[in-house]
Amino acid sequence: MDDTNISPHANPRREAARAQDPAGKRTVRFTGILLLIAVLILLPPATGAVPDDAFLQNATSPQIVKIGVDTMDFNGFSVADGTVETNFYLSLRSDEPISLENVELINGQITSVYSFVNTTNEKTYRIYAIITADPDLRQFPFDQHMLPIEIESKNNDVSTRVLVIDTNRTGIEPEADLPGWEITHNNAYVMNKSYDEGGEEYSRAVFTHDIERDTASTLLKFFLPIMLIIIVSLSSLMMKVSSRLGLNASMFLAAVLIHWRVADAIPLVAYATFLDIFMIITYATLVMVLVSGILIMKFTETKDTVRIERVNFWSLRIIPALSITLYFLLFLTLVI
């Protein structure tokens, strides 16, 4: 064995460790690189998953706006124009900034606005406005109408803003009234409105108020005079003299004048109202009484007593019975 290249102070174990040291360092470095790559790969999803999801959720979820309307009063309802003056408190609440600029009154015009609560996420306004309605006059003068207050999201469809009824701040004051009318019921709901077929839908809050004409006032101002005319005209059938013709002619003229005055308060419509049918029956009754009077006058001139008695007999039995039956059937339609 050649010992010329071995140092007398050499340690076999130390020399073996030195021979293996470069390989160990390379292993540590390789392991460290792998760990660093694993951390870089796993760290972004772990730290960024929640914020990214939250961002997507906020980006796709619409703003929820709680809206309430507390109606204070109505005034000046015009059936002919379909308009009424009203004032109400409008409240808006949301987790995001909200104001009157984000909504609009659809069926009317705001005349004045007063702000009471003005914070970033909550607004309360006192609003005076003229709103429009679509009156249904088929049962006039026993007509009933709905006065709506329609408020819609402005420039934001349902994907970005949704209106929700705030029931705690919605209603009508007990002191609210409308002269000549009775407020019977109020309701509130939300609907989606699209202005184009298949287009964007906008959230709309509708606050309705049902009214009906005062029954006592209607009976006293219209039906009482007409019914008195009918009673007088039918009572004249018991008269066997030709002079009753003038009485019935004056009753007919009075009925026409009352009808003209009442009908002048409503607009022209393309359908027959309760008033129109009622007056048709009234005119038919008065005309039948007039015809019977004309026949009696004719037979009186010829002194045909047999035919006079025959006209009186059938007039007393047919005209009142037919008139009362038609009136009964007409008023029955109000309750059916």
C-alpha atoms as a PDB file:
ATOM      1  CA  MET A   1       0.000   0.000   0.000  1.00  0.00           C
ATOM      2  CA  ASP A   2       1.338   3.417  -1.042  1.00  0.00           C
ATOM      3  CA  ASP A   3       1.362   5.873   1.920  1.00  0.00           C
ATOM      4  CA  THR A   4       3.215   8.696   0.183  1.00  0.00           C
ATOM      5  CA  ASN A   5      -0.036  10.841  -0.429  1.00  0.00           C
ATOM      6  CA  ILE A   6      -1.588  10.379   3.041  1.00  0.00           C
ATOM      7  CA  SER A   7      -1.022  13.155   5.544  1.00  0.00           C
ATOM      8  CA  PRO A   8       0.029  12.000   8.977  1.00  0.00           C
ATOM      9  CA  HIS A   9      -2.636  14.273  10.496  1.00  0.00           C
ATOM     10  CA  ALA A  10      -5.536  13.151   8.209  1.00  0.00           C
ATOM     11  CA  ASN A  11      -8.792  11.893   9.811  1.00  0.00           C
ATOM     12  CA  PRO A  12     -10.632   9.326   7.728  1.00  0.00           C
ATOM     13  CA  ARG A  13     -14.112  10.303   9.070  1.00  0.00           C
ATOM     14  CA  ARG A  14     -13.552  14.017   8.486  1.00  0.00           C
ATOM     15  CA  GLU A  15     -12.399  13.335   4.957  1.00  0.00           C
ATOM     16  CA  ALA A  16     -15.517  11.288   4.291  1.00  0.00           C
ATOM     17  CA  ALA A  17     -17.782  14.111   5.590  1.00  0.00           C
ATOM     18  CA  ARG A  18     -15.967  16.591   3.368  1.00  0.00           C
ATOM     19  CA  ALA A  19     -16.459  14.331   0.402  1.00  0.00           C
ATOM     20  CA  GLN A  20     -20.217  14.195   1.056  1.00  0.00           C
ATOM     21  CA  ASP A  21     -20.786  17.919   1.906  1.00  0.00           C
ATOM     22  CA  PRO A  22     -21.413  19.306  -1.636  1.00  0.00           C
ATOM     23  CA  ALA A  23     -24.142  16.782  -2.260  1.00  0.00           C
ATOM     24  CA  GLY A  24     -25.903  17.666   1.048  1.00  0.00           C
ATOM     25  CA  LYS A  25     -25.891  21.342   0.254  1.00  0.00           C
ATOM     26  CA  ARG A  26     -27.430  20.682  -3.125  1.00  0.00           C
ATOM     27  CA  THR A  27     -30.186  18.599  -1.491  1.00  0.00           C
ATOM     28  CA  VAL A  28     -31.054  21.379   0.992  1.00  0.00           C
ATOM     29  CA  ARG A  29     -31.132  23.971  -1.745  1.00  0.00           C
ATOM     30  CA  PHE A  30     -33.378  21.797  -3.933  1.00  0.00           C
ATOM     31  CA  THR A  31     -35.756  21.137  -1.024  1.00  0.00           C
ATOM     32  CA  GLY A  32     -35.917  24.852  -0.243  1.00  0.00           C
ATOM     33  CA  ILE A  33     -36.773  25.708  -3.837  1.00  0.00           C
ATOM     34  CA  LEU A  34     -39.558  23.140  -3.874  1.00  0.00           C
ATOM     35  CA  LEU A  35     -41.006  24.530  -0.657  1.00  0.00           C
ATOM     36  CA  LEU A  36     -40.856  28.077  -2.035  1.00  0.00           C
ATOM     37  CA  ILE A  37     -42.646  27.047  -5.225  1.00  0.00           C
ATOM     38  CA  ALA A  38     -45.328  25.256  -3.184  1.00  0.00           C
ATOM     39  CA  VAL A  39     -45.849  28.344  -1.021  1.00  0.00           C
ATOM     40  CA  LEU A  40     -46.098  30.601  -4.080  1.00  0.00           C
ATOM     41  CA  ILE A  41     -48.661  28.286  -5.657  1.00  0.00           C
ATOM     42  CA  LEU A  42     -50.823  27.752  -2.581  1.00  0.00           C
ATOM     43  CA  LEU A  43     -50.594  31.200  -0.984  1.00  0.00           C
ATOM     44  CA  PRO A  44     -52.630  33.304  -3.493  1.00  0.00           C
ATOM     45  CA  PRO A  45     -55.770  31.143  -3.393  1.00  0.00           C
ATOM     46  CA  ALA A  46     -55.587  30.857   0.386  1.00  0.00           C
ATOM     47  CA  THR A  47     -55.207  34.599   0.970  1.00  0.00           C
ATOM     48  CA  GLY A  48     -57.259  35.938  -1.912  1.00  0.00           C
ATOM     49  CA  ALA A  49     -60.223  33.547  -2.230  1.00  0.00           C
ATOM     50  CA  VAL A  50     -62.497  35.318   0.250  1.00  0.00           C
ATOM     51  CA  PRO A  51     -61.926  38.893  -0.977  1.00  0.00           C
ATOM     52  CA  ASP A  52     -62.395  37.809  -4.610  1.00  0.00           C
ATOM     53  CA  ASP A  53     -65.671  36.026  -3.767  1.00  0.00           C
ATOM     54  CA  ALA A  54     -66.847  38.989  -1.728  1.00  0.00           C
ATOM     55  CA  PHE A  55     -66.056  41.316  -4.599  1.00  0.00           C
ATOM     56  CA  LEU A  56     -67.994  39.175  -7.056  1.00  0.00           C
ATOM     57  CA  GLN A  57     -70.915  38.944  -4.677  1.00  0.00           C
ATOM     58  CA  ASN A  58     -71.014  42.710  -4.187  1.00  0.00           C
ATOM     59  CA  ALA A  59     -70.708  43.218  -7.908  1.00  0.00           C
ATOM     60  CA  THR A  60     -73.696  40.992  -8.753  1.00  0.00           C
ATOM     61  CA  SER A  61     -76.051  41.632  -5.793  1.00  0.00           C
ATOM     62  CA  PRO A  62     -78.477  44.567  -6.267  1.00  0.00           C
ATOM     63  CA  GLN A  63     -78.864  47.390  -3.803  1.00  0.00           C
ATOM     64  CA  ILE A  64     -81.856  46.793  -1.512  1.00  0.00           C
ATOM     65  CA  VAL A  65     -83.858  49.958  -0.815  1.00  0.00           C
ATOM     66  CA  LYS A  66     -86.641  49.909   1.783  1.00  0.00           C
ATOM     67  CA  ILE A  67     -89.296  52.406   0.708  1.00  0.00           C
ATOM     68  CA  GLY A  68     -92.316  53.636   2.619  1.00  0.00           C
ATOM     69  CA  VAL A  69     -95.138  56.093   1.844  1.00  0.00           C
ATOM     70  CA  ASP A  70     -97.267  57.546   4.622  1.00  0.00           C
ATOM     71  CA  THR A  71    -100.128  59.429   2.948  1.00  0.00           C
ATOM     72  CA  MET A  72    -101.290  62.522   4.779  1.00  0.00           C
ATOM     73  CA  ASP A  73    -104.182  63.817   2.676  1.00  0.00           C
ATOM     74  CA  PHE A  74    -105.918  64.064  -0.715  1.00  0.00           C
ATOM     75  CA  ASN A  75    -107.557  67.084  -2.252  1.00  0.00           C
ATOM     76  CA  GLY A  76    -109.272  68.181  -5.448  1.00  0.00           C
ATOM     77  CA  PHE A  77    -110.014  64.864  -7.146  1.00  0.00           C
ATOM     78  CA  SER A  78    -111.146  65.571 -10.713  1.00  0.00           C
ATOM     79  CA  VAL A  79    -112.886  62.624 -12.362  1.00  0.00           C
ATOM     80  CA  ALA A  80    -112.913  64.413 -15.709  1.00  0.00           C
ATOM     81  CA  ASP A  81    -109.142  64.967 -15.684  1.00  0.00           C
ATOM     82  CA  GLY A  82    -108.214  61.881 -13.651  1.00  0.00           C
ATOM     83  CA  THR A  83    -105.980  63.919 -11.314  1.00  0.00           C
ATOM     84  CA  VAL A  84    -105.797  64.469  -7.562  1.00  0.00           C
ATOM     85  CA  GLU A  85    -103.576  66.504  -5.267  1.00  0.00           C
ATOM     86  CA  THR A  86    -101.825  64.646  -2.465  1.00  0.00           C
ATOM     87  CA  ASN A  87     -99.058  65.028   0.074  1.00  0.00           C
ATOM     88  CA  PHE A  88     -97.155  62.223   1.769  1.00  0.00           C
ATOM     89  CA  TYR A  89     -93.965  61.294   3.608  1.00  0.00           C
ATOM     90  CA  LEU A  90     -91.500  59.288   1.541  1.00  0.00           C
ATOM     91  CA  SER A  91     -88.854  57.298   3.441  1.00  0.00           C
ATOM     92  CA  LEU A  92     -85.834  55.597   1.847  1.00  0.00           C
ATOM     93  CA  ARG A  93     -83.425  53.310   3.704  1.00  0.00           C
ATOM     94  CA  SER A  94     -80.528  51.245   2.435  1.00  0.00           C
ATOM     95  CA  ASP A  95     -77.132  49.874   3.445  1.00  0.00           C
ATOM     96  CA  GLU A  96     -75.664  51.939   0.630  1.00  0.00           C
ATOM     97  CA  PRO A  97     -76.045  55.670  -0.107  1.00  0.00           C
ATOM     98  CA  ILE A  98     -79.573  56.542  -1.258  1.00  0.00           C
ATOM     99  CA  SER A  99     -81.491  59.730  -2.054  1.00  0.00           C
ATOM    100  CA  LEU A 100     -84.532  61.074  -3.909  1.00  0.00           C
ATOM    101  CA  GLU A 101     -82.348  61.378  -7.007  1.00  0.00           C
ATOM    102  CA  ASN A 102     -82.298  57.563  -7.252  1.00  0.00           C
ATOM    103  CA  VAL A 103     -86.090  57.205  -7.606  1.00  0.00           C
ATOM    104  CA  GLU A 104     -88.865  58.991  -9.484  1.00  0.00           C
ATOM    105  CA  LEU A 105     -92.628  59.490  -9.268  1.00  0.00           C
ATOM    106  CA  ILE A 106     -94.050  57.699 -12.309  1.00  0.00           C
ATOM    107  CA  ASN A 107     -97.721  58.715 -12.351  1.00  0.00           C
ATOM    108  CA  GLY A 108     -97.560  62.370 -11.482  1.00  0.00           C
ATOM    109  CA  GLN A 109     -95.582  65.526 -10.938  1.00  0.00           C
ATOM    110  CA  ILE A 110     -93.900  66.613  -7.719  1.00  0.00           C
ATOM    111  CA  THR A 111     -94.693  70.241  -6.933  1.00  0.00           C
ATOM    112  CA  SER A 112     -92.584  70.676  -3.784  1.00  0.00           C
ATOM    113  CA  VAL A 113     -90.241  68.659  -1.553  1.00  0.00           C
ATOM    114  CA  TYR A 114     -89.125  69.187   2.048  1.00  0.00           C
ATOM    115  CA  SER A 115     -86.332  67.118   3.593  1.00  0.00           C
ATOM    116  CA  PHE A 116     -86.646  65.957   7.211  1.00  0.00           C
ATOM    117  CA  VAL A 117     -84.097  63.149   7.639  1.00  0.00           C
ATOM    118  CA  ASN A 118     -80.927  63.465   5.604  1.00  0.00           C
ATOM    119  CA  THR A 119     -78.241  60.894   6.328  1.00  0.00           C
ATOM    120  CA  THR A 120     -76.176  58.830   3.915  1.00  0.00           C
ATOM    121  CA  ASN A 121     -78.251  55.665   4.220  1.00  0.00           C
ATOM    122  CA  GLU A 122     -81.629  57.106   5.237  1.00  0.00           C
ATOM    123  CA  LYS A 123     -83.805  59.868   3.796  1.00  0.00           C
ATOM    124  CA  THR A 124     -87.279  61.173   4.677  1.00  0.00           C
ATOM    125  CA  TYR A 125     -89.103  63.718   2.523  1.00  0.00           C
ATOM    126  CA  ARG A 126     -92.433  65.530   2.736  1.00  0.00           C
ATOM    127  CA  ILE A 127     -93.699  65.573  -0.840  1.00  0.00           C
ATOM    128  CA  TYR A 128     -96.567  67.532  -2.399  1.00  0.00           C
ATOM    129  CA  ALA A 129     -97.598  66.201  -5.807  1.00  0.00           C
ATOM    130  CA  ILE A 130    -100.340  65.953  -8.397  1.00  0.00           C
ATOM    131  CA  ILE A 131    -100.883  62.325  -9.333  1.00  0.00           C
ATOM    132  CA  THR A 132    -102.897  60.853 -12.180  1.00  0.00           C
ATOM    133  CA  ALA A 133    -105.345  57.951 -12.043  1.00  0.00           C
ATOM    134  CA  ASP A 134    -107.338  55.960 -14.564  1.00  0.00           C
ATOM    135  CA  PRO A 135    -110.974  56.373 -13.455  1.00  0.00           C
ATOM    136  CA  ASP A 136    -113.461  53.634 -14.276  1.00  0.00           C
ATOM    137  CA  LEU A 137    -116.894  55.223 -14.741  1.00  0.00           C
ATOM    138  CA  ARG A 138    -118.953  52.146 -15.597  1.00  0.00           C
ATOM    139  CA  GLN A 139    -120.837  52.382 -12.277  1.00  0.00           C
ATOM    140  CA  PHE A 140    -121.104  56.169 -12.150  1.00  0.00           C
ATOM    141  CA  PRO A 141    -122.481  57.725  -9.924  1.00  0.00           C
ATOM    142  CA  PHE A 142    -121.729  54.725  -7.667  1.00  0.00           C
ATOM    143  CA  ASP A 143    -118.205  54.593  -9.060  1.00  0.00           C
ATOM    144  CA  GLN A 144    -115.113  53.412  -7.221  1.00  0.00           C
ATOM    145  CA  HIS A 145    -111.573  54.421  -8.106  1.00  0.00           C
ATOM    146  CA  MET A 146    -107.999  53.597  -7.149  1.00  0.00           C
ATOM    147  CA  LEU A 147    -105.542  56.421  -6.495  1.00  0.00           C
ATOM    148  CA  PRO A 148    -101.995  55.044  -6.880  1.00  0.00           C
ATOM    149  CA  ILE A 149     -98.639  56.527  -5.923  1.00  0.00           C
ATOM    150  CA  GLU A 150     -96.078  54.786  -8.134  1.00  0.00           C
ATOM    151  CA  ILE A 151     -92.363  55.221  -7.415  1.00  0.00           C
ATOM    152  CA  GLU A 152     -89.735  53.540  -9.560  1.00  0.00           C
ATOM    153  CA  SER A 153     -85.979  53.071  -9.439  1.00  0.00           C
ATOM    154  CA  LYS A 154     -84.363  55.669 -11.655  1.00  0.00           C
ATOM    155  CA  ASN A 155     -81.667  54.631 -14.170  1.00  0.00           C
ATOM    156  CA  ASN A 156     -81.064  51.331 -12.328  1.00  0.00           C
ATOM    157  CA  ASP A 157     -82.732  48.071 -13.290  1.00  0.00           C
ATOM    158  CA  VAL A 158     -83.463  45.165 -10.953  1.00  0.00           C
ATOM    159  CA  SER A 159     -79.923  43.823 -11.352  1.00  0.00           C
ATOM    160  CA  THR A 160     -78.533  46.868  -9.535  1.00  0.00           C
ATOM    161  CA  ARG A 161     -81.405  48.194  -7.373  1.00  0.00           C
ATOM    162  CA  VAL A 162     -84.498  46.553  -5.891  1.00  0.00           C
ATOM    163  CA  LEU A 163     -87.274  48.321  -3.966  1.00  0.00           C
ATOM    164  CA  VAL A 164     -88.824  46.650  -0.910  1.00  0.00           C
ATOM    165  CA  ILE A 165     -91.939  47.922   0.907  1.00  0.00           C
ATOM    166  CA  ASP A 166     -91.151  49.281   4.370  1.00  0.00           C
ATOM    167  CA  THR A 167     -94.393  48.239   6.090  1.00  0.00           C
ATOM    168  CA  ASN A 168     -93.540  50.079   9.307  1.00  0.00           C
ATOM    169  CA  ARG A 169     -93.461  53.377   7.420  1.00  0.00           C
ATOM    170  CA  THR A 170     -96.339  52.775   5.016  1.00  0.00           C
ATOM    171  CA  GLY A 171     -99.985  53.667   5.551  1.00  0.00           C
ATOM    172  CA  ILE A 172    -102.496  56.501   5.556  1.00  0.00           C
ATOM    173  CA  GLU A 173    -103.303  58.959   8.307  1.00  0.00           C
ATOM    174  CA  PRO A 174    -106.726  58.560   9.985  1.00  0.00           C
ATOM    175  CA  GLU A 175    -107.393  62.271   9.385  1.00  0.00           C
ATOM    176  CA  ALA A 176    -106.907  61.910   5.630  1.00  0.00           C
ATOM    177  CA  ASP A 177    -110.091  62.532   3.674  1.00  0.00           C
ATOM    178  CA  LEU A 178    -111.332  63.509   0.243  1.00  0.00           C
ATOM    179  CA  PRO A 179    -114.480  65.665   0.118  1.00  0.00           C
ATOM    180  CA  GLY A 180    -117.351  63.809  -1.518  1.00  0.00           C
ATOM    181  CA  TRP A 181    -115.517  60.475  -1.325  1.00  0.00           C
ATOM    182  CA  GLU A 182    -114.799  57.744   1.205  1.00  0.00           C
ATOM    183  CA  ILE A 183    -111.327  56.181   1.480  1.00  0.00           C
ATOM    184  CA  THR A 184    -112.057  52.477   1.902  1.00  0.00           C
ATOM    185  CA  HIS A 185    -108.738  50.621   1.618  1.00  0.00           C
ATOM    186  CA  ASN A 186    -105.020  51.059   0.997  1.00  0.00           C
ATOM    187  CA  ASN A 187    -102.383  48.586  -0.152  1.00  0.00           C
ATOM    188  CA  ALA A 188     -98.726  48.439  -1.205  1.00  0.00           C
ATOM    189  CA  TYR A 189     -96.752  46.067  -3.404  1.00  0.00           C
ATOM    190  CA  VAL A 190     -93.685  45.899  -5.646  1.00  0.00           C
ATOM    191  CA  MET A 191     -93.697  44.987  -9.320  1.00  0.00           C
ATOM    192  CA  ASN A 192     -91.105  44.852 -12.112  1.00  0.00           C
ATOM    193  CA  LYS A 193     -91.749  47.059 -15.115  1.00  0.00           C
ATOM    194  CA  SER A 194     -90.142  46.619 -18.533  1.00  0.00           C
ATOM    195  CA  TYR A 195     -90.493  49.309 -21.188  1.00  0.00           C
ATOM    196  CA  ASP A 196     -89.303  47.100 -24.040  1.00  0.00           C
ATOM    197  CA  GLU A 197     -90.287  43.538 -24.791  1.00  0.00           C
ATOM    198  CA  GLY A 198     -87.582  41.381 -23.277  1.00  0.00           C
ATOM    199  CA  GLY A 199     -85.722  44.483 -22.107  1.00  0.00           C
ATOM    200  CA  GLU A 200     -84.438  45.561 -18.725  1.00  0.00           C
ATOM    201  CA  GLU A 201     -86.890  45.502 -15.832  1.00  0.00           C
ATOM    202  CA  TYR A 202     -87.131  48.252 -13.262  1.00  0.00           C
ATOM    203  CA  SER A 203     -88.349  47.834  -9.703  1.00  0.00           C
ATOM    204  CA  ARG A 204     -91.533  49.820  -9.004  1.00  0.00           C
ATOM    205  CA  ALA A 205     -93.280  50.325  -5.665  1.00  0.00           C
ATOM    206  CA  VAL A 206     -97.034  50.939  -5.913  1.00  0.00           C
ATOM    207  CA  PHE A 207     -99.064  52.404  -3.035  1.00  0.00           C
ATOM    208  CA  THR A 208    -102.807  52.236  -3.768  1.00  0.00           C
ATOM    209  CA  HIS A 209    -105.763  53.993  -2.127  1.00  0.00           C
ATOM    210  CA  ASP A 210    -109.301  52.854  -2.955  1.00  0.00           C
ATOM    211  CA  ILE A 211    -112.073  55.454  -2.835  1.00  0.00           C
ATOM    212  CA  GLU A 212    -115.803  55.374  -3.511  1.00  0.00           C
ATOM    213  CA  ARG A 213    -118.338  58.130  -3.959  1.00  0.00           C
ATOM    214  CA  ASP A 214    -120.336  59.086  -0.884  1.00  0.00           C
ATOM    215  CA  THR A 215    -123.583  57.103  -1.174  1.00  0.00           C
ATOM    216  CA  ALA A 216    -125.779  59.443   0.862  1.00  0.00           C
ATOM    217  CA  SER A 217    -124.702  62.455  -1.174  1.00  0.00           C
ATOM    218  CA  THR A 218    -125.344  60.610  -4.448  1.00  0.00           C
ATOM    219  CA  LEU A 219    -128.834  59.526  -3.418  1.00  0.00           C
ATOM    220  CA  LEU A 220    -129.854  62.976  -2.189  1.00  0.00           C
ATOM    221  CA  LYS A 221    -128.430  65.048  -5.041  1.00  0.00           C
ATOM    222  CA  PHE A 222    -129.366  62.866  -7.991  1.00  0.00           C
ATOM    223  CA  PHE A 223    -131.557  59.846  -7.408  1.00  0.00           C
ATOM    224  CA  LEU A 224    -134.038  61.534  -5.076  1.00  0.00           C
ATOM    225  CA  PRO A 225    -135.100  64.192  -7.658  1.00  0.00           C
ATOM    226  CA  ILE A 226    -135.286  61.606 -10.444  1.00  0.00           C
ATOM    227  CA  MET A 227    -137.312  59.163  -8.363  1.00  0.00           C
ATOM    228  CA  LEU A 228    -139.744  61.965  -7.403  1.00  0.00           C
ATOM    229  CA  ILE A 229    -140.215  62.714 -11.089  1.00  0.00           C
ATOM    230  CA  ILE A 230    -140.919  59.027 -11.789  1.00  0.00           C
ATOM    231  CA  ILE A 231    -143.388  58.768  -8.888  1.00  0.00           C
ATOM    232  CA  VAL A 232    -145.311  61.859 -10.046  1.00  0.00           C
ATOM    233  CA  SER A 233    -145.336  60.650 -13.630  1.00  0.00           C
ATOM    234  CA  LEU A 234    -146.583  57.159 -12.735  1.00  0.00           C
ATOM    235  CA  SER A 235    -149.191  58.626 -10.379  1.00  0.00           C
ATOM    236  CA  SER A 236    -150.605  60.620 -13.278  1.00  0.00           C
ATOM    237  CA  LEU A 237    -151.686  57.321 -14.858  1.00  0.00           C
ATOM    238  CA  MET A 238    -154.638  57.366 -12.492  1.00  0.00           C
ATOM    239  CA  MET A 239    -155.843  60.567 -14.138  1.00  0.00           C
ATOM    240  CA  LYS A 240    -158.315  59.964 -16.938  1.00  0.00           C
ATOM    241  CA  VAL A 241    -158.153  63.494 -18.302  1.00  0.00           C
ATOM    242  CA  SER A 242    -156.043  64.730 -21.202  1.00  0.00           C
ATOM    243  CA  SER A 243    -154.499  67.495 -19.080  1.00  0.00           C
ATOM    244  CA  ARG A 244    -152.020  65.002 -17.657  1.00  0.00           C
ATOM    245  CA  LEU A 245    -150.105  65.276 -20.935  1.00  0.00           C
ATOM    246  CA  GLY A 246    -148.726  68.680 -19.956  1.00  0.00           C
ATOM    247  CA  LEU A 247    -147.710  67.382 -16.524  1.00  0.00           C
ATOM    248  CA  ASN A 248    -145.749  64.491 -18.008  1.00  0.00           C
ATOM    249  CA  ALA A 249    -144.118  66.729 -20.595  1.00  0.00           C
ATOM    250  CA  SER A 250    -142.788  68.991 -17.817  1.00  0.00           C
ATOM    251  CA  MET A 251    -141.539  65.930 -15.895  1.00  0.00           C
ATOM    252  CA  PHE A 252    -139.696  64.743 -18.988  1.00  0.00           C
ATOM    253  CA  LEU A 253    -138.029  68.135 -19.434  1.00  0.00           C
ATOM    254  CA  ALA A 254    -136.984  68.203 -15.749  1.00  0.00           C
ATOM    255  CA  ALA A 255    -135.390  64.740 -16.061  1.00  0.00           C
ATOM    256  CA  VAL A 256    -133.424  65.839 -19.131  1.00  0.00           C
ATOM    257  CA  LEU A 257    -132.071  68.913 -17.317  1.00  0.00           C
ATOM    258  CA  ILE A 258    -130.985  66.879 -14.263  1.00  0.00           C
ATOM    259  CA  HIS A 259    -129.319  64.299 -16.489  1.00  0.00           C
ATOM    260  CA  TRP A 260    -127.501  66.997 -18.445  1.00  0.00           C
ATOM    261  CA  ARG A 261    -126.214  68.669 -15.293  1.00  0.00           C
ATOM    262  CA  VAL A 262    -124.945  65.432 -13.713  1.00  0.00           C
ATOM    263  CA  ALA A 263    -123.431  63.993 -16.908  1.00  0.00           C
ATOM    264  CA  ASP A 264    -121.579  67.246 -17.544  1.00  0.00           C
ATOM    265  CA  ALA A 265    -119.327  66.463 -14.557  1.00  0.00           C
ATOM    266  CA  ILE A 266    -117.784  63.377 -16.185  1.00  0.00           C
ATOM    267  CA  PRO A 267    -115.801  62.994 -19.422  1.00  0.00           C
ATOM    268  CA  LEU A 268    -117.115  61.339 -22.550  1.00  0.00           C
ATOM    269  CA  VAL A 269    -116.369  57.618 -22.450  1.00  0.00           C
ATOM    270  CA  ALA A 270    -116.768  54.840 -24.993  1.00  0.00           C
ATOM    271  CA  TYR A 271    -119.005  52.688 -22.760  1.00  0.00           C
ATOM    272  CA  ALA A 272    -122.390  53.022 -21.094  1.00  0.00           C
ATOM    273  CA  THR A 273    -122.291  54.036 -17.444  1.00  0.00           C
ATOM    274  CA  PHE A 274    -124.783  53.154 -14.719  1.00  0.00           C
ATOM    275  CA  LEU A 275    -126.186  56.661 -15.110  1.00  0.00           C
ATOM    276  CA  ASP A 276    -126.745  56.169 -18.854  1.00  0.00           C
ATOM    277  CA  ILE A 277    -128.686  52.942 -18.357  1.00  0.00           C
ATOM    278  CA  PHE A 278    -130.669  54.448 -15.476  1.00  0.00           C
ATOM    279  CA  MET A 279    -131.685  57.434 -17.594  1.00  0.00           C
ATOM    280  CA  ILE A 280    -132.601  55.198 -20.538  1.00  0.00           C
ATOM    281  CA  ILE A 281    -135.068  53.382 -18.259  1.00  0.00           C
ATOM    282  CA  THR A 282    -136.303  56.740 -16.946  1.00  0.00           C
ATOM    283  CA  TYR A 283    -136.829  58.144 -20.426  1.00  0.00           C
ATOM    284  CA  ALA A 284    -138.579  54.950 -21.518  1.00  0.00           C
ATOM    285  CA  THR A 285    -140.929  55.194 -18.541  1.00  0.00           C
ATOM    286  CA  LEU A 286    -141.729  58.848 -19.172  1.00  0.00           C
ATOM    287  CA  VAL A 287    -142.247  58.233 -22.895  1.00  0.00           C
ATOM    288  CA  MET A 288    -144.679  55.372 -22.203  1.00  0.00           C
ATOM    289  CA  VAL A 289    -146.639  57.617 -19.843  1.00  0.00           C
ATOM    290  CA  LEU A 290    -146.623  60.384 -22.466  1.00  0.00           C
ATOM    291  CA  VAL A 291    -147.856  58.013 -25.161  1.00  0.00           C
ATOM    292  CA  SER A 292    -150.678  56.852 -22.919  1.00  0.00           C
ATOM    293  CA  GLY A 293    -151.614  60.481 -22.327  1.00  0.00           C
ATOM    294  CA  ILE A 294    -151.595  61.206 -26.065  1.00  0.00           C
ATOM    295  CA  LEU A 295    -153.860  58.217 -26.720  1.00  0.00           C
ATOM    296  CA  ILE A 296    -156.285  59.329 -24.007  1.00  0.00           C
ATOM    297  CA  MET A 297    -156.370  62.845 -25.473  1.00  0.00           C
ATOM    298  CA  LYS A 298    -157.063  61.404 -28.931  1.00  0.00           C
ATOM    299  CA  PHE A 299    -159.855  59.128 -27.742  1.00  0.00           C
ATOM    300  CA  THR A 300    -161.318  61.927 -25.627  1.00  0.00           C
ATOM    301  CA  GLU A 301    -161.742  64.080 -28.739  1.00  0.00           C
ATOM    302  CA  THR A 302    -163.637  61.234 -30.429  1.00  0.00           C
ATOM    303  CA  LYS A 303    -165.501  60.446 -27.191  1.00  0.00           C
ATOM    304  CA  ASP A 304    -164.431  56.813 -27.403  1.00  0.00           C
ATOM    305  CA  THR A 305    -164.863  55.897 -23.738  1.00  0.00           C
ATOM    306  CA  VAL A 306    -164.226  52.213 -24.331  1.00  0.00           C
ATOM    307  CA  ARG A 307    -160.737  52.799 -25.640  1.00  0.00           C
ATOM    308  CA  ILE A 308    -160.044  55.375 -22.947  1.00  0.00           C
ATOM    309  CA  GLU A 309    -160.834  52.787 -20.289  1.00  0.00           C
ATOM    310  CA  ARG A 310    -158.742  50.203 -22.104  1.00  0.00           C
ATOM    311  CA  VAL A 311    -155.690  52.565 -22.270  1.00  0.00           C
ATOM    312  CA  ASN A 312    -156.024  53.376 -18.578  1.00  0.00           C
ATOM    313  CA  PHE A 313    -156.412  49.716 -17.660  1.00  0.00           C
ATOM    314  CA  TRP A 314    -153.310  48.493 -19.423  1.00  0.00           C
ATOM    315  CA  SER A 315    -151.225  51.591 -18.634  1.00  0.00           C
ATOM    316  CA  LEU A 316    -151.745  51.136 -14.892  1.00  0.00           C
ATOM    317  CA  ARG A 317    -150.721  47.477 -15.069  1.00  0.00           C
ATOM    318  CA  ILE A 318    -147.883  47.458 -17.585  1.00  0.00           C
ATOM    319  CA  ILE A 319    -145.945  50.726 -17.249  1.00  0.00           C
ATOM    320  CA  PRO A 320    -145.344  50.720 -13.432  1.00  0.00           C
ATOM    321  CA  ALA A 321    -144.573  46.980 -13.335  1.00  0.00           C
ATOM    322  CA  LEU A 322    -142.153  47.193 -16.268  1.00  0.00           C
ATOM    323  CA  SER A 323    -140.437  50.309 -14.908  1.00  0.00           C
ATOM    324  CA  ILE A 324    -139.986  48.926 -11.382  1.00  0.00           C
ATOM    325  CA  THR A 325    -138.653  45.611 -12.728  1.00  0.00           C
ATOM    326  CA  LEU A 326    -136.054  47.330 -14.921  1.00  0.00           C
ATOM    327  CA  TYR A 327    -134.906  49.573 -12.056  1.00  0.00           C
ATOM    328  CA  PHE A 328    -134.642  46.570  -9.743  1.00  0.00           C
ATOM    329  CA  LEU A 329    -132.524  44.607 -12.226  1.00  0.00           C
ATOM    330  CA  LEU A 330    -130.265  47.622 -12.772  1.00  0.00           C
ATOM    331  CA  PHE A 331    -129.590  48.193  -9.069  1.00  0.00           C
ATOM    332  CA  LEU A 332    -129.079  44.461  -8.626  1.00  0.00           C
ATOM    333  CA  THR A 333    -125.952  44.751 -10.784  1.00  0.00           C
ATOM    334  CA  LEU A 334    -124.310  46.853  -8.055  1.00  0.00           C
ATOM    335  CA  VAL A 335    -124.272  43.963  -5.606  1.00  0.00           C
ATOM    336  CA  ILE A 336    -123.635  41.056  -7.976  1.00  0.00           C
END
